[in-house]
Amino acid sequence: MTAERWMPVVDFEGVYEISDIGRVRRVKPGMGAVVGRILRISLDSDGYENVHLSSPGFRRTVTVHRLVALAFLGVPDSPMEACHVDGRRTNNVLSNLRWGTHADNVRDTLIHGTHNQASKTHCAAGHAFDEANTRIHAAGRSCRACSRVASARYKAEKRTAA
């Protein structure tokens, strides 16, 4: 087994370090702070692990998976999200993280079955969400039958308006 690797936390260099398995520790002495202490991690309302970081005049609550990605994968060139490869929001090990767009992240939730609408078996009109009738796109998924009806209605309205 390889040893746990530690890197400075981006924006808190010299104060905190993050490990490749998602643990955060204090490295700078301070008022009430214990050097080397592993910080307590809590869950936010969405089920992501987060940690409270502070340095003089600066306080922030950040998600652990983003800290791991920033420290070990580097700062992305464009606005990207740290995505969990296996879909488990509490698995913040480096090998389970990658940078991706918001659309990639939404697509992952559909693949992993963790999307907030994934448990629905039918659309609002009652059509089944099966392989033939479901279209997966950046915003989630949609019913092909409902899309066809909406498209036909739009084209009919356009013809009558002309």
Protein backbone atom coordinates (compact mmCIF):
# COMPACT_ATOMS: atom_id res chain seq x y z
CA MET A 1 0.00 0.00 0.00
CA THR A 2 1.31 3.44 -0.90
CA ALA A 3 1.75 6.17 1.67
CA GLU A 4 -0.76 8.98 1.92
CA ARG A 5 0.45 12.02 -0.04
CA TRP A 6 -0.14 15.58 1.18
CA MET A 7 -0.33 18.81 -0.85
CA PRO A 8 -1.02 22.43 0.16
CA VAL A 9 -4.66 23.53 -0.05
CA VAL A 10 -5.10 26.07 -2.87
CA ASP A 11 -5.71 29.58 -1.43
CA PHE A 12 -4.63 28.31 2.03
CA GLU A 13 -1.01 27.39 1.29
CA GLY A 14 1.08 27.18 4.45
CA VAL A 15 -2.05 26.88 6.62
CA TYR A 16 -3.71 23.62 5.51
CA GLU A 17 -2.82 20.49 3.57
CA ILE A 18 -5.06 17.98 1.79
CA SER A 19 -4.23 14.32 1.27
CA ASP A 20 -4.90 12.17 -1.79
CA ILE A 21 -7.52 10.28 0.23
CA GLY A 22 -9.44 13.43 1.19
CA ARG A 23 -8.18 14.25 4.68
CA VAL A 24 -7.40 17.87 5.65
CA ARG A 25 -4.89 18.89 8.31
CA ARG A 26 -3.66 22.12 9.86
CA VAL A 27 0.03 22.90 9.29
CA LYS A 28 0.32 26.44 10.73
CA PRO A 29 0.03 27.18 14.43
CA GLY A 30 -2.66 29.64 15.40
CA MET A 31 -5.03 30.67 18.11
CA GLY A 32 -6.65 27.44 19.31
CA ALA A 33 -5.27 25.52 16.31
CA VAL A 34 -3.33 22.31 16.76
CA VAL A 35 -0.67 21.68 14.11
CA GLY A 36 -1.09 18.29 12.45
CA ARG A 37 -4.69 17.86 13.59
CA ILE A 38 -7.02 16.26 11.03
CA LEU A 39 -10.02 18.52 10.54
CA ARG A 40 -13.56 17.33 11.10
CA ILE A 41 -15.49 16.79 7.90
CA SER A 42 -19.23 17.38 7.68
CA LEU A 43 -21.88 16.70 5.07
CA ASP A 44 -23.72 19.50 3.31
CA SER A 45 -27.40 19.33 2.36
CA ASP A 46 -26.52 17.72 -1.00
CA GLY A 47 -24.48 14.92 0.60
CA TYR A 48 -21.01 16.27 -0.27
CA GLU A 49 -18.27 16.29 2.36
CA ASN A 50 -17.07 19.77 3.27
CA VAL A 51 -14.63 21.36 5.66
CA HIS A 52 -14.37 24.80 7.30
CA LEU A 53 -11.07 26.57 6.61
CA SER A 54 -9.84 29.86 8.02
CA SER A 55 -6.79 32.06 8.11
CA PRO A 56 -6.54 35.62 9.44
CA GLY A 57 -9.37 37.64 7.91
CA PHE A 58 -10.48 34.83 5.60
CA ARG A 59 -13.00 32.05 6.19
CA ARG A 60 -14.53 29.57 3.81
CA THR A 61 -16.47 26.31 3.74
CA VAL A 62 -15.35 24.18 0.80
CA THR A 63 -16.09 20.72 -0.56
CA VAL A 64 -13.38 18.15 0.04
CA HIS A 65 -13.53 16.66 -3.46
CA ARG A 66 -12.80 20.07 -4.99
CA LEU A 67 -9.82 20.58 -2.65
CA VAL A 68 -8.37 17.19 -3.65
CA ALA A 69 -8.86 17.93 -7.35
CA LEU A 70 -7.32 21.42 -7.13
CA ALA A 71 -4.29 20.18 -5.19
CA PHE A 72 -3.53 17.02 -7.16
CA LEU A 73 -5.08 17.57 -10.62
CA GLY A 74 -4.24 21.26 -10.81
CA VAL A 75 -6.37 24.32 -11.41
CA PRO A 76 -8.45 23.84 -14.59
CA ASP A 77 -8.12 26.30 -17.50
CA SER A 78 -11.84 26.97 -17.70
CA PRO A 79 -14.68 26.71 -15.16
CA MET A 80 -14.87 22.98 -14.46
CA GLU A 81 -16.41 20.79 -11.80
CA ALA A 82 -14.69 18.06 -9.83
CA CYS A 83 -16.58 14.91 -10.83
CA HIS A 84 -16.79 11.65 -8.88
CA VAL A 85 -16.02 8.77 -11.26
CA ASP A 86 -18.12 6.24 -9.30
CA GLY A 87 -20.94 8.67 -8.47
CA ARG A 88 -20.48 8.41 -4.67
CA ARG A 89 -20.31 11.93 -3.25
CA THR A 90 -18.34 10.86 -0.19
CA ASN A 91 -15.61 8.97 -2.08
CA ASN A 92 -13.01 11.75 -2.32
CA VAL A 93 -9.98 9.59 -3.15
CA LEU A 94 -7.83 11.10 -5.92
CA SER A 95 -8.28 8.07 -8.21
CA ASN A 96 -12.07 8.67 -8.08
CA LEU A 97 -11.94 12.33 -9.18
CA ARG A 98 -11.63 14.08 -12.53
CA TRP A 99 -12.37 17.51 -13.99
CA GLY A 100 -15.46 17.81 -16.17
CA THR A 101 -18.06 20.27 -17.37
CA HIS A 102 -21.41 20.69 -15.65
CA ALA A 103 -22.98 18.73 -18.53
CA ASP A 104 -20.50 15.87 -17.89
CA ASN A 105 -21.45 15.89 -14.22
CA VAL A 106 -25.20 15.77 -14.97
CA ARG A 107 -24.65 12.97 -17.49
CA ASP A 108 -22.70 11.04 -14.83
CA THR A 109 -25.62 11.33 -12.40
CA LEU A 110 -27.88 9.77 -15.01
CA ILE A 111 -25.42 6.94 -15.67
CA HIS A 112 -24.93 6.24 -11.93
CA GLY A 113 -28.64 6.52 -11.18
CA THR A 114 -28.05 9.31 -8.66
CA HIS A 115 -29.93 12.03 -10.58
CA ASN A 116 -32.82 13.45 -8.56
CA GLN A 117 -35.21 12.39 -11.34
CA ALA A 118 -33.62 8.96 -11.92
CA SER A 119 -36.23 7.07 -9.92
CA LYS A 120 -39.05 8.24 -12.20
CA THR A 121 -40.20 5.49 -14.55
CA HIS A 122 -42.64 7.62 -16.57
CA CYS A 123 -42.79 11.22 -17.81
CA ALA A 124 -45.55 13.64 -16.76
CA ALA A 125 -47.69 12.52 -19.72
CA GLY A 126 -47.37 8.86 -18.70
CA HIS A 127 -44.86 7.68 -21.33
CA ALA A 128 -42.36 5.11 -20.07
CA PHE A 129 -38.73 6.14 -19.60
CA ASP A 130 -37.28 3.16 -21.46
CA GLU A 131 -34.27 2.93 -23.75
CA ALA A 132 -36.26 3.67 -26.93
CA ASN A 133 -38.23 6.61 -25.51
CA THR A 134 -35.56 8.38 -23.43
CA ARG A 135 -33.18 11.02 -24.73
CA ILE A 136 -30.21 11.86 -22.50
CA HIS A 137 -28.75 15.36 -22.91
CA ALA A 138 -26.80 17.96 -20.94
CA ALA A 139 -29.84 19.09 -18.92
CA GLY A 140 -30.84 15.55 -17.96
CA ARG A 141 -33.26 13.32 -19.80
CA SER A 142 -36.47 13.85 -21.72
CA CYS A 143 -39.31 11.84 -23.23
CA ARG A 144 -38.98 11.40 -27.01
CA ALA A 145 -42.76 11.00 -27.45
CA CYS A 146 -43.47 14.30 -25.65
CA SER A 147 -40.72 16.02 -27.68
CA ARG A 148 -42.33 14.83 -30.93
CA VAL A 149 -45.75 16.15 -29.84
CA ALA A 150 -44.27 19.52 -28.80
CA SER A 151 -42.34 19.80 -32.07
CA ALA A 152 -45.45 19.03 -34.15
CA ARG A 153 -47.46 21.61 -32.18
CA TYR A 154 -44.73 24.24 -32.69
CA LYS A 155 -44.54 23.57 -36.45
CA ALA A 156 -48.37 23.76 -36.75
CA GLU A 157 -48.46 27.09 -34.90
CA LYS A 158 -45.69 28.43 -37.13
CA ARG A 159 -47.61 27.42 -40.29
CA THR A 160 -50.82 29.10 -39.12
CA ALA A 161 -48.98 32.29 -38.12
CA ALA A 162 -47.37 32.65 -41.57
